[in-house]
Full PDB file with SEQRES, HELIX, SHEET, SSBOND, CRYST1, ORIGX, SCALE, CONECT and MASTER records, all heavy atoms in Angstrom:
SEQRES   1 A   41  SER ARG ARG MET PHE SER ILE VAL SER MET GLY TRP TYR          
SEQRES   2 A   41  ARG GLN ALA PRO GLY LYS GLN ARG GLU LEU VAL ALA ILE          
SEQRES   3 A   41  ILE SER SER GLY GLY SER THR ASN TYR ALA ASP PHE VAL          
SEQRES   4 A   41  LYS GLY                                                      
HELIX    1 AA1 ASP A   37  VAL A   39  5                                   3    
SHEET    1 AA1 3 SER A   9  ARG A  14  0                                        
SHEET    2 AA1 3 GLU A  22  SER A  28 -1                                        
SHEET    3 AA1 3 THR A  33  TYR A  35 -1                                        
CRYST1    1.000    1.000    1.000  90.00  90.00  90.00 P 1           1          
ORIGX1      1.000000  0.000000  0.000000        0.00000                         
ORIGX2      0.000000  1.000000  0.000000        0.00000                         
ORIGX3      0.000000  0.000000  1.000000        0.00000                         
SCALE1      1.000000  0.000000  0.000000        0.00000                         
SCALE2      0.000000  1.000000  0.000000        0.00000                         
SCALE3      0.000000  0.000000  1.000000        0.00000                         
ATOM      1  N   SER A   1       2.532 -16.027   4.768  1.00  0.00           N  
ATOM      2  CA  SER A   1       2.840 -17.367   5.280  1.00  0.00           C  
ATOM      3  C   SER A   1       2.628 -18.444   4.207  1.00  0.00           C  
ATOM      4  O   SER A   1       3.112 -19.569   4.378  1.00  0.00           O  
ATOM      5  CB  SER A   1       2.024 -17.669   6.509  1.00  0.00           C  
ATOM      6  OG  SER A   1       0.638 -17.532   6.217  1.00  0.00           O  
ATOM      7  N   ARG A   2       1.898 -18.107   3.208  1.00  0.00           N  
ATOM      8  CA  ARG A   2       1.685 -19.047   2.090  1.00  0.00           C  
ATOM      9  C   ARG A   2       1.441 -18.242   0.837  1.00  0.00           C  
ATOM     10  O   ARG A   2       1.123 -17.047   0.903  1.00  0.00           O  
ATOM     11  CB  ARG A   2       0.525 -20.014   2.384  1.00  0.00           C  
ATOM     12  CG  ARG A   2      -0.798 -19.331   2.523  1.00  0.00           C  
ATOM     13  CD  ARG A   2      -1.932 -20.363   2.562  1.00  0.00           C  
ATOM     14  NE  ARG A   2      -3.214 -19.815   2.786  1.00  0.00           N  
ATOM     15  CZ  ARG A   2      -3.978 -19.226   1.870  1.00  0.00           C  
ATOM     16  NH1 ARG A   2      -3.586 -19.157   0.622  1.00  0.00           N  
ATOM     17  NH2 ARG A   2      -5.208 -18.788   2.203  1.00  0.00           N  
ATOM     18  N   ARG A   3       1.538 -18.927  -0.282  1.00  0.00           N  
ATOM     19  CA  ARG A   3       1.219 -18.269  -1.546  1.00  0.00           C  
ATOM     20  C   ARG A   3      -0.224 -17.926  -1.566  1.00  0.00           C  
ATOM     21  O   ARG A   3      -1.084 -18.698  -1.137  1.00  0.00           O  
ATOM     22  CB  ARG A   3       1.548 -19.187  -2.749  1.00  0.00           C  
ATOM     23  CG  ARG A   3       1.384 -18.501  -4.055  1.00  0.00           C  
ATOM     24  CD  ARG A   3       1.926 -19.326  -5.202  1.00  0.00           C  
ATOM     25  NE  ARG A   3       1.744 -18.617  -6.481  1.00  0.00           N  
ATOM     26  CZ  ARG A   3       2.182 -19.087  -7.623  1.00  0.00           C  
ATOM     27  NH1 ARG A   3       2.820 -20.238  -7.670  1.00  0.00           N  
ATOM     28  NH2 ARG A   3       1.983 -18.413  -8.743  1.00  0.00           N  
ATOM     29  N   MET A   4      -0.494 -16.738  -2.047  1.00  0.00           N  
ATOM     30  CA  MET A   4      -1.876 -16.279  -2.083  1.00  0.00           C  
ATOM     31  C   MET A   4      -2.337 -16.112  -3.525  1.00  0.00           C  
ATOM     32  O   MET A   4      -1.565 -15.780  -4.429  1.00  0.00           O  
ATOM     33  CB  MET A   4      -1.997 -14.929  -1.385  1.00  0.00           C  
ATOM     34  CG  MET A   4      -1.616 -15.001   0.095  1.00  0.00           C  
ATOM     35  SD  MET A   4      -1.765 -13.415   0.920  1.00  0.00           S  
ATOM     36  CE  MET A   4      -3.514 -13.126   0.786  1.00  0.00           C  
ATOM     37  N   PHE A   5      -3.618 -16.381  -3.718  1.00  0.00           N  
ATOM     38  CA  PHE A   5      -4.206 -16.301  -5.048  1.00  0.00           C  
ATOM     39  C   PHE A   5      -5.302 -15.226  -5.028  1.00  0.00           C  
ATOM     40  O   PHE A   5      -5.766 -14.815  -4.014  1.00  0.00           O  
ATOM     41  CB  PHE A   5      -4.793 -17.636  -5.457  1.00  0.00           C  
ATOM     42  CG  PHE A   5      -3.757 -18.736  -5.537  1.00  0.00           C  
ATOM     43  CD1 PHE A   5      -3.476 -19.514  -4.392  1.00  0.00           C  
ATOM     44  CD2 PHE A   5      -3.004 -18.955  -6.677  1.00  0.00           C  
ATOM     45  CE1 PHE A   5      -2.505 -20.493  -4.483  1.00  0.00           C  
ATOM     46  CE2 PHE A   5      -2.032 -19.919  -6.736  1.00  0.00           C  
ATOM     47  CZ  PHE A   5      -1.790 -20.712  -5.631  1.00  0.00           C  
ATOM     48  N   SER A   6      -5.631 -14.789  -6.211  1.00  0.00           N  
ATOM     49  CA  SER A   6      -6.727 -13.798  -6.375  1.00  0.00           C  
ATOM     50  C   SER A   6      -6.435 -12.492  -5.627  1.00  0.00           C  
ATOM     51  O   SER A   6      -7.327 -11.869  -5.098  1.00  0.00           O  
ATOM     52  CB  SER A   6      -8.072 -14.369  -5.919  1.00  0.00           C  
ATOM     53  OG  SER A   6      -8.374 -15.527  -6.638  1.00  0.00           O  
ATOM     54  N   ILE A   7      -5.171 -12.123  -5.612  1.00  0.00           N  
ATOM     55  CA  ILE A   7      -4.823 -10.866  -4.977  1.00  0.00           C  
ATOM     56  C   ILE A   7      -5.265  -9.714  -5.842  1.00  0.00           C  
ATOM     57  O   ILE A   7      -4.979  -9.694  -7.037  1.00  0.00           O  
ATOM     58  CB  ILE A   7      -3.298 -10.777  -4.700  1.00  0.00           C  
ATOM     59  CG1 ILE A   7      -2.934 -11.772  -3.592  1.00  0.00           C  
ATOM     60  CG2 ILE A   7      -2.914  -9.363  -4.302  1.00  0.00           C  
ATOM     61  CD1 ILE A   7      -1.445 -11.782  -3.290  1.00  0.00           C  
ATOM     62  N   VAL A   8      -5.922  -8.755  -5.244  1.00  0.00           N  
ATOM     63  CA  VAL A   8      -6.350  -7.553  -5.968  1.00  0.00           C  
ATOM     64  C   VAL A   8      -5.292  -6.486  -5.877  1.00  0.00           C  
ATOM     65  O   VAL A   8      -4.918  -5.831  -6.843  1.00  0.00           O  
ATOM     66  CB  VAL A   8      -7.673  -7.041  -5.415  1.00  0.00           C  
ATOM     67  CG1 VAL A   8      -8.057  -5.703  -6.061  1.00  0.00           C  
ATOM     68  CG2 VAL A   8      -8.778  -8.083  -5.590  1.00  0.00           C  
ATOM     69  N   SER A   9      -4.777  -6.317  -4.649  1.00  0.00           N  
ATOM     70  CA  SER A   9      -3.719  -5.313  -4.421  1.00  0.00           C  
ATOM     71  C   SER A   9      -2.924  -5.642  -3.208  1.00  0.00           C  
ATOM     72  O   SER A   9      -3.380  -6.389  -2.338  1.00  0.00           O  
ATOM     73  CB  SER A   9      -4.318  -3.934  -4.319  1.00  0.00           C  
ATOM     74  OG  SER A   9      -5.108  -3.822  -3.149  1.00  0.00           O  
ATOM     75  N   MET A  10      -1.742  -5.058  -3.124  1.00  0.00           N  
ATOM     76  CA  MET A  10      -0.876  -5.176  -1.972  1.00  0.00           C  
ATOM     77  C   MET A  10      -0.374  -3.784  -1.663  1.00  0.00           C  
ATOM     78  O   MET A  10      -0.037  -3.034  -2.587  1.00  0.00           O  
ATOM     79  CB  MET A  10       0.307  -6.104  -2.293  1.00  0.00           C  
ATOM     80  CG  MET A  10      -0.121  -7.471  -2.767  1.00  0.00           C  
ATOM     81  SD  MET A  10       1.106  -8.317  -3.767  1.00  0.00           S  
ATOM     82  CE  MET A  10       2.320  -8.673  -2.504  1.00  0.00           C  
ATOM     83  N   GLY A  11      -0.357  -3.433  -0.393  1.00  0.00           N  
ATOM     84  CA  GLY A  11       0.005  -2.082  -0.060  1.00  0.00           C  
ATOM     85  C   GLY A  11       0.710  -1.936   1.259  1.00  0.00           C  
ATOM     86  O   GLY A  11       0.773  -2.850   2.081  1.00  0.00           O  
ATOM     87  N   TRP A  12       1.236  -0.753   1.430  1.00  0.00           N  
ATOM     88  CA  TRP A  12       1.861  -0.328   2.683  1.00  0.00           C  
ATOM     89  C   TRP A  12       1.067   0.844   3.255  1.00  0.00           C  
ATOM     90  O   TRP A  12       0.740   1.769   2.525  1.00  0.00           O  
ATOM     91  CB  TRP A  12       3.320   0.064   2.495  1.00  0.00           C  
ATOM     92  CG  TRP A  12       4.226  -1.082   2.215  1.00  0.00           C  
ATOM     93  CD1 TRP A  12       4.656  -1.509   0.974  1.00  0.00           C  
ATOM     94  CD2 TRP A  12       4.845  -1.910   3.191  1.00  0.00           C  
ATOM     95  NE1 TRP A  12       5.482  -2.608   1.138  1.00  0.00           N  
ATOM     96  CE2 TRP A  12       5.616  -2.853   2.486  1.00  0.00           C  
ATOM     97  CE3 TRP A  12       4.811  -1.987   4.575  1.00  0.00           C  
ATOM     98  CZ2 TRP A  12       6.328  -3.884   3.125  1.00  0.00           C  
ATOM     99  CZ3 TRP A  12       5.527  -2.991   5.185  1.00  0.00           C  
ATOM    100  CH2 TRP A  12       6.290  -3.922   4.483  1.00  0.00           C  
ATOM    101  N   TYR A  13       0.836   0.799   4.553  1.00  0.00           N  
ATOM    102  CA  TYR A  13       0.156   1.859   5.243  1.00  0.00           C  
ATOM    103  C   TYR A  13       1.021   2.196   6.472  1.00  0.00           C  
ATOM    104  O   TYR A  13       1.911   1.445   6.873  1.00  0.00           O  
ATOM    105  CB  TYR A  13      -1.224   1.416   5.767  1.00  0.00           C  
ATOM    106  CG  TYR A  13      -2.221   1.171   4.681  1.00  0.00           C  
ATOM    107  CD1 TYR A  13      -2.129   0.063   3.831  1.00  0.00           C  
ATOM    108  CD2 TYR A  13      -3.274   2.043   4.476  1.00  0.00           C  
ATOM    109  CE1 TYR A  13      -3.051  -0.150   2.832  1.00  0.00           C  
ATOM    110  CE2 TYR A  13      -4.214   1.844   3.475  1.00  0.00           C  
ATOM    111  CZ  TYR A  13      -4.087   0.745   2.652  1.00  0.00           C  
ATOM    112  OH  TYR A  13      -5.009   0.522   1.652  1.00  0.00           O  
ATOM    113  N   ARG A  14       0.762   3.379   7.033  1.00  0.00           N  
ATOM    114  CA  ARG A  14       1.500   3.725   8.240  1.00  0.00           C  
ATOM    115  C   ARG A  14       0.565   4.508   9.199  1.00  0.00           C  
ATOM    116  O   ARG A  14      -0.389   5.090   8.768  1.00  0.00           O  
ATOM    117  CB  ARG A  14       2.726   4.585   7.892  1.00  0.00           C  
ATOM    118  CG  ARG A  14       2.427   5.991   7.396  1.00  0.00           C  
ATOM    119  CD  ARG A  14       3.722   6.706   6.992  1.00  0.00           C  
ATOM    120  NE  ARG A  14       3.514   8.096   6.719  1.00  0.00           N  
ATOM    121  CZ  ARG A  14       4.441   8.893   6.226  1.00  0.00           C  
ATOM    122  NH1 ARG A  14       5.679   8.438   5.948  1.00  0.00           N  
ATOM    123  NH2 ARG A  14       4.197  10.193   6.026  1.00  0.00           N  
ATOM    124  N   GLN A  15       0.974   4.403  10.455  1.00  0.00           N  
ATOM    125  CA  GLN A  15       0.207   5.131  11.485  1.00  0.00           C  
ATOM    126  C   GLN A  15       1.197   5.720  12.495  1.00  0.00           C  
ATOM    127  O   GLN A  15       1.932   5.012  13.138  1.00  0.00           O  
ATOM    128  CB  GLN A  15      -0.792   4.202  12.176  1.00  0.00           C  
ATOM    129  CG  GLN A  15      -1.725   4.934  13.128  1.00  0.00           C  
ATOM    130  CD  GLN A  15      -2.872   4.068  13.600  1.00  0.00           C  
ATOM    131  OE1 GLN A  15      -2.869   2.855  13.442  1.00  0.00           O  
ATOM    132  NE2 GLN A  15      -3.933   4.706  14.084  1.00  0.00           N  
ATOM    133  N   ALA A  16       1.144   7.021  12.579  1.00  0.00           N  
ATOM    134  CA  ALA A  16       1.982   7.734  13.551  1.00  0.00           C  
ATOM    135  C   ALA A  16       1.144   7.932  14.829  1.00  0.00           C  
ATOM    136  O   ALA A  16      -0.097   7.911  14.800  1.00  0.00           O  
ATOM    137  CB  ALA A  16       2.431   9.058  13.008  1.00  0.00           C  
ATOM    138  N   PRO A  17       1.816   8.122  15.968  1.00  0.00           N  
ATOM    139  CA  PRO A  17       1.064   8.308  17.226  1.00  0.00           C  
ATOM    140  C   PRO A  17       0.109   9.481  17.121  1.00  0.00           C  
ATOM    141  O   PRO A  17       0.451  10.566  16.690  1.00  0.00           O  
ATOM    142  CB  PRO A  17       2.203   8.601  18.226  1.00  0.00           C  
ATOM    143  CG  PRO A  17       3.401   7.927  17.679  1.00  0.00           C  
ATOM    144  CD  PRO A  17       3.248   8.060  16.167  1.00  0.00           C  
ATOM    145  N   GLY A  18      -1.142   9.210  17.511  1.00  0.00           N  
ATOM    146  CA  GLY A  18      -2.139  10.257  17.539  1.00  0.00           C  
ATOM    147  C   GLY A  18      -2.739  10.546  16.174  1.00  0.00           C  
ATOM    148  O   GLY A  18      -3.580  11.460  16.039  1.00  0.00           O  
ATOM    149  N   LYS A  19      -2.348   9.789  15.152  1.00  0.00           N  
ATOM    150  CA  LYS A  19      -2.867  10.037  13.790  1.00  0.00           C  
ATOM    151  C   LYS A  19      -3.557   8.793  13.267  1.00  0.00           C  
ATOM    152  O   LYS A  19      -3.346   7.681  13.762  1.00  0.00           O  
ATOM    153  CB  LYS A  19      -1.754  10.462  12.846  1.00  0.00           C  
ATOM    154  CG  LYS A  19      -1.113  11.754  13.228  1.00  0.00           C  
ATOM    155  CD  LYS A  19      -0.127  12.207  12.160  1.00  0.00           C  
ATOM    156  CE  LYS A  19       0.497  13.572  12.469  1.00  0.00           C  
ATOM    157  NZ  LYS A  19       1.465  13.992  11.422  1.00  0.00           N  
ATOM    158  N   GLN A  20      -4.382   8.998  12.246  1.00  0.00           N  
ATOM    159  CA  GLN A  20      -5.030   7.854  11.626  1.00  0.00           C  
ATOM    160  C   GLN A  20      -4.105   7.112  10.708  1.00  0.00           C  
ATOM    161  O   GLN A  20      -3.108   7.678  10.189  1.00  0.00           O  
ATOM    162  CB  GLN A  20      -6.235   8.372  10.825  1.00  0.00           C  
ATOM    163  CG  GLN A  20      -7.391   8.903  11.660  1.00  0.00           C  
ATOM    164  CD  GLN A  20      -8.623   9.226  10.839  1.00  0.00           C  
ATOM    165  OE1 GLN A  20      -8.548   9.527   9.676  1.00  0.00           O  
ATOM    166  NE2 GLN A  20      -9.789   9.100  11.459  1.00  0.00           N  
ATOM    167  N   ARG A  21      -4.389   5.853  10.480  1.00  0.00           N  
ATOM    168  CA  ARG A  21      -3.615   5.070   9.540  1.00  0.00           C  
ATOM    169  C   ARG A  21      -3.821   5.671   8.135  1.00  0.00           C  
ATOM    170  O   ARG A  21      -4.941   6.013   7.730  1.00  0.00           O  
ATOM    171  CB  ARG A  21      -4.068   3.622   9.543  1.00  0.00           C  
ATOM    172  CG  ARG A  21      -3.157   2.667   8.798  1.00  0.00           C  
ATOM    173  CD  ARG A  21      -3.591   1.226   8.969  1.00  0.00           C  
ATOM    174  NE  ARG A  21      -3.506   0.802  10.388  1.00  0.00           N  
ATOM    175  CZ  ARG A  21      -3.665  -0.451  10.766  1.00  0.00           C  
ATOM    176  NH1 ARG A  21      -3.930  -1.401   9.861  1.00  0.00           N  
ATOM    177  NH2 ARG A  21      -3.568  -0.760  12.062  1.00  0.00           N  
ATOM    178  N   GLU A  22      -2.715   5.714   7.362  1.00  0.00           N  
ATOM    179  CA  GLU A  22      -2.801   6.309   6.027  1.00  0.00           C  
ATOM    180  C   GLU A  22      -2.074   5.434   5.015  1.00  0.00           C  
ATOM    181  O   GLU A  22      -1.108   4.738   5.352  1.00  0.00           O  
ATOM    182  CB  GLU A  22      -2.189   7.733   6.016  1.00  0.00           C  
ATOM    183  CG  GLU A  22      -0.744   7.806   6.461  1.00  0.00           C  
ATOM    184  CD  GLU A  22      -0.244   9.241   6.565  1.00  0.00           C  
ATOM    185  OE1 GLU A  22      -0.972  10.187   6.278  1.00  0.00           O  
ATOM    186  OE2 GLU A  22       0.954   9.412   6.967  1.00  0.00           O  
ATOM    187  N   LEU A  23      -2.529   5.518   3.792  1.00  0.00           N  
ATOM    188  CA  LEU A  23      -1.937   4.765   2.712  1.00  0.00           C  
ATOM    189  C   LEU A  23      -0.602   5.392   2.363  1.00  0.00           C  
ATOM    190  O   LEU A  23      -0.485   6.614   2.192  1.00  0.00           O  
ATOM    191  CB  LEU A  23      -2.853   4.744   1.507  1.00  0.00           C  
ATOM    192  CG  LEU A  23      -2.268   4.138   0.234  1.00  0.00           C  
ATOM    193  CD1 LEU A  23      -2.084   2.622   0.408  1.00  0.00           C  
ATOM    194  CD2 LEU A  23      -3.177   4.424  -0.975  1.00  0.00           C  
ATOM    195  N   VAL A  24       0.398   4.563   2.165  1.00  0.00           N  
ATOM    196  CA  VAL A  24       1.703   4.975   1.740  1.00  0.00           C  
ATOM    197  C   VAL A  24       1.906   4.676   0.263  1.00  0.00           C  
ATOM    198  O   VAL A  24       2.245   5.553  -0.546  1.00  0.00           O  
ATOM    199  CB  VAL A  24       2.844   4.335   2.564  1.00  0.00           C  
ATOM    200  CG1 VAL A  24       4.205   4.721   2.013  1.00  0.00           C  
ATOM    201  CG2 VAL A  24       2.688   4.721   4.035  1.00  0.00           C  
ATOM    202  N   ALA A  25       1.712   3.442  -0.092  1.00  0.00           N  
ATOM    203  CA  ALA A  25       1.914   3.009  -1.504  1.00  0.00           C  
ATOM    204  C   ALA A  25       1.108   1.718  -1.722  1.00  0.00           C  
ATOM    205  O   ALA A  25       0.880   0.945  -0.785  1.00  0.00           O  
ATOM    206  CB  ALA A  25       3.371   2.763  -1.771  1.00  0.00           C  
ATOM    207  N   ILE A  26       0.737   1.494  -2.965  1.00  0.00           N  
ATOM    208  CA  ILE A  26      -0.031   0.334  -3.275  1.00  0.00           C  
ATOM    209  C   ILE A  26       0.362  -0.162  -4.683  1.00  0.00           C  
ATOM    210  O   ILE A  26       0.737   0.622  -5.541  1.00  0.00           O  
ATOM    211  CB  ILE A  26      -1.572   0.651  -3.220  1.00  0.00           C  
ATOM    212  CG1 ILE A  26      -2.402  -0.608  -3.232  1.00  0.00           C  
ATOM    213  CG2 ILE A  26      -1.952   1.605  -4.340  1.00  0.00           C  
ATOM    214  CD1 ILE A  26      -3.849  -0.352  -2.810  1.00  0.00           C  
ATOM    215  N   ILE A  27       0.327  -1.480  -4.825  1.00  0.00           N  
ATOM    216  CA  ILE A  27       0.609  -2.070  -6.142  1.00  0.00           C  
ATOM    217  C   ILE A  27      -0.495  -3.047  -6.471  1.00  0.00           C  
ATOM    218  O   ILE A  27      -0.899  -3.872  -5.620  1.00  0.00           O  
ATOM    219  CB  ILE A  27       2.000  -2.776  -6.095  1.00  0.00           C  
ATOM    220  CG1 ILE A  27       2.358  -3.351  -7.500  1.00  0.00           C  
ATOM    221  CG2 ILE A  27       2.097  -3.860  -5.060  1.00  0.00           C  
ATOM    222  CD1 ILE A  27       3.805  -3.764  -7.615  1.00  0.00           C  
ATOM    223  N   SER A  28      -1.018  -2.952  -7.699  1.00  0.00           N  
ATOM    224  CA  SER A  28      -2.138  -3.774  -8.058  1.00  0.00           C  
ATOM    225  C   SER A  28      -1.674  -5.138  -8.560  1.00  0.00           C  
ATOM    226  O   SER A  28      -0.466  -5.357  -8.762  1.00  0.00           O  
ATOM    227  CB  SER A  28      -2.940  -3.080  -9.189  1.00  0.00           C  
ATOM    228  OG  SER A  28      -2.198  -3.117 -10.377  1.00  0.00           O  
ATOM    229  N   SER A  29      -2.613  -6.015  -8.788  1.00  0.00           N  
ATOM    230  CA  SER A  29      -2.267  -7.337  -9.283  1.00  0.00           C  
ATOM    231  C   SER A  29      -1.597  -7.233 -10.645  1.00  0.00           C  
ATOM    232  O   SER A  29      -0.777  -8.084 -11.009  1.00  0.00           O  
ATOM    233  CB  SER A  29      -3.521  -8.202  -9.378  1.00  0.00           C  
ATOM    234  OG  SER A  29      -4.466  -7.605 -10.260  1.00  0.00           O  
ATOM    235  N   GLY A  30      -1.919  -6.198 -11.384  1.00  0.00           N  
ATOM    236  CA  GLY A  30      -1.324  -5.993 -12.710  1.00  0.00           C  
ATOM    237  C   GLY A  30       0.011  -5.323 -12.678  1.00  0.00           C  
ATOM    238  O   GLY A  30       0.681  -5.178 -13.695  1.00  0.00           O  
ATOM    239  N   GLY A  31       0.395  -4.857 -11.470  1.00  0.00           N  
ATOM    240  CA  GLY A  31       1.717  -4.250 -11.349  1.00  0.00           C  
ATOM    241  C   GLY A  31       1.742  -2.719 -11.351  1.00  0.00           C  
ATOM    242  O   GLY A  31       2.788  -2.089 -11.160  1.00  0.00           O  
ATOM    243  N   SER A  32       0.591  -2.110 -11.503  1.00  0.00           N  
ATOM    244  CA  SER A  32       0.557  -0.648 -11.461  1.00  0.00           C  
ATOM    245  C   SER A  32       0.683  -0.207 -10.033  1.00  0.00           C  
ATOM    246  O   SER A  32       0.226  -0.850  -9.098  1.00  0.00           O  
ATOM    247  CB  SER A  32      -0.733  -0.085 -12.091  1.00  0.00           C  
ATOM    248  OG  SER A  32      -1.839  -0.555 -11.405  1.00  0.00           O  
ATOM    249  N   THR A  33       1.328   0.952  -9.847  1.00  0.00           N  
ATOM    250  CA  THR A  33       1.635   1.452  -8.505  1.00  0.00           C  
ATOM    251  C   THR A  33       1.000   2.826  -8.305  1.00  0.00           C  
ATOM    252  O   THR A  33       0.783   3.591  -9.274  1.00  0.00           O  
ATOM    253  CB  THR A  33       3.136   1.524  -8.279  1.00  0.00           C  
ATOM    254  OG1 THR A  33       3.713   2.384  -9.261  1.00  0.00           O  
ATOM    255  CG2 THR A  33       3.784   0.156  -8.362  1.00  0.00           C  
ATOM    256  N   ASN A  34       0.753   3.136  -7.037  1.00  0.00           N  
ATOM    257  CA  ASN A  34       0.259   4.431  -6.675  1.00  0.00           C  
ATOM    258  C   ASN A  34       0.864   4.803  -5.337  1.00  0.00           C  
ATOM    259  O   ASN A  34       1.010   3.935  -4.448  1.00  0.00           O  
ATOM    260  CB  ASN A  34      -1.270   4.419  -6.600  1.00  0.00           C  
ATOM    261  CG  ASN A  34      -1.859   5.762  -6.660  1.00  0.00           C  
ATOM    262  OD1 ASN A  34      -1.234   6.746  -7.028  1.00  0.00           O  
ATOM    263  ND2 ASN A  34      -3.161   5.856  -6.282  1.00  0.00           N  
ATOM    264  N   TYR A  35       1.230   6.078  -5.211  1.00  0.00           N  
ATOM    265  CA  TYR A  35       1.888   6.539  -3.989  1.00  0.00           C  
ATOM    266  C   TYR A  35       1.188   7.742  -3.413  1.00  0.00           C  
ATOM    267  O   TYR A  35       0.610   8.575  -4.110  1.00  0.00           O  
ATOM    268  CB  TYR A  35       3.331   6.952  -4.326  1.00  0.00           C  
ATOM    269  CG  TYR A  35       4.220   5.840  -4.783  1.00  0.00           C  
ATOM    270  CD1 TYR A  35       4.283   5.518  -6.158  1.00  0.00           C  
ATOM    271  CD2 TYR A  35       4.953   5.062  -3.912  1.00  0.00           C  
ATOM    272  CE1 TYR A  35       5.113   4.480  -6.597  1.00  0.00           C  
ATOM    273  CE2 TYR A  35       5.751   4.049  -4.349  1.00  0.00           C  
ATOM    274  CZ  TYR A  35       5.811   3.733  -5.693  1.00  0.00           C  
ATOM    275  OH  TYR A  35       6.623   2.726  -6.138  1.00  0.00           O  
ATOM    276  N   ALA A  36       1.250   7.870  -2.095  1.00  0.00           N  
ATOM    277  CA  ALA A  36       0.818   9.052  -1.441  1.00  0.00           C  
ATOM    278  C   ALA A  36       1.746  10.199  -1.848  1.00  0.00           C  
ATOM    279  O   ALA A  36       2.927   9.979  -2.100  1.00  0.00           O  
ATOM    280  CB  ALA A  36       0.842   8.887   0.081  1.00  0.00           C  
ATOM    281  N   ASP A  37       1.179  11.388  -1.921  1.00  0.00           N  
ATOM    282  CA  ASP A  37       2.005  12.528  -2.382  1.00  0.00           C  
ATOM    283  C   ASP A  37       3.232  12.728  -1.494  1.00  0.00           C  
ATOM    284  O   ASP A  37       4.276  13.137  -1.997  1.00  0.00           O  
ATOM    285  CB  ASP A  37       1.139  13.788  -2.375  1.00  0.00           C  
ATOM    286  CG  ASP A  37       0.134  13.836  -3.514  1.00  0.00           C  
ATOM    287  OD1 ASP A  37       0.326  13.037  -4.496  1.00  0.00           O  
ATOM    288  OD2 ASP A  37      -0.819  14.632  -3.462  1.00  0.00           O  
ATOM    289  N   PHE A  38       3.108  12.438  -0.224  1.00  0.00           N  
ATOM    290  CA  PHE A  38       4.216  12.754   0.697  1.00  0.00           C  
ATOM    291  C   PHE A  38       5.366  11.796   0.548  1.00  0.00           C  
ATOM    292  O   PHE A  38       6.434  11.983   1.174  1.00  0.00           O  
ATOM    293  CB  PHE A  38       3.715  12.811   2.133  1.00  0.00           C  
ATOM    294  CG  PHE A  38       2.973  11.589   2.602  1.00  0.00           C  
ATOM    295  CD1 PHE A  38       3.637  10.408   2.927  1.00  0.00           C  
ATOM    296  CD2 PHE A  38       1.593  11.606   2.691  1.00  0.00           C  
ATOM    297  CE1 PHE A  38       2.936   9.306   3.354  1.00  0.00           C  
ATOM    298  CE2 PHE A  38       0.858  10.509   3.136  1.00  0.00           C  
ATOM    299  CZ  PHE A  38       1.566   9.323   3.437  1.00  0.00           C  
ATOM    300  N   VAL A  39       5.250  10.745  -0.273  1.00  0.00           N  
ATOM    301  CA  VAL A  39       6.391   9.805  -0.507  1.00  0.00           C  
ATOM    302  C   VAL A  39       6.821   9.712  -1.944  1.00  0.00           C  
ATOM    303  O   VAL A  39       7.797   9.037  -2.238  1.00  0.00           O  
ATOM    304  CB  VAL A  39       6.083   8.398   0.051  1.00  0.00           C  
ATOM    305  CG1 VAL A  39       5.722   8.447   1.545  1.00  0.00           C  
ATOM    306  CG2 VAL A  39       5.008   7.713  -0.773  1.00  0.00           C  
ATOM    307  N   LYS A  40       6.125  10.381  -2.809  1.00  0.00           N  
ATOM    308  CA  LYS A  40       6.484  10.302  -4.241  1.00  0.00           C  
ATOM    309  C   LYS A  40       7.920  10.733  -4.472  1.00  0.00           C  
ATOM    310  O   LYS A  40       8.338  11.778  -3.957  1.00  0.00           O  
ATOM    311  CB  LYS A  40       5.529  11.172  -5.079  1.00  0.00           C  
ATOM    312  CG  LYS A  40       4.171  10.538  -5.280  1.00  0.00           C  
ATOM    313  CD  LYS A  40       3.258  11.400  -6.155  1.00  0.00           C  
ATOM    314  CE  LYS A  40       1.927  10.706  -6.388  1.00  0.00           C  
ATOM    315  NZ  LYS A  40       1.022  11.574  -7.170  1.00  0.00           N  
ATOM    316  N   GLY A  41       8.625   9.923  -5.205  1.00  0.00           N  
ATOM    317  CA  GLY A  41      10.012  10.221  -5.496  1.00  0.00           C  
ATOM    318  C   GLY A  41      11.003   9.731  -4.442  1.00  0.00           C  
ATOM    319  O   GLY A  41      12.204   9.769  -4.669  1.00  0.00           O  
TER     320      GLY A  41                                                      
MASTER        0    0    0    1    3    0    0    6  319    1    0    4          
END                                                                             
């Protein structure tokens, strides 16, 4: 809703019915990315 400062990271998570929320992908303030194995590629 507004510009944010001092961001450390931004990411996507998902939660399927009956399962815990899990990390999908994350991007750091410096631009480096990391992905869950199940979405790589």
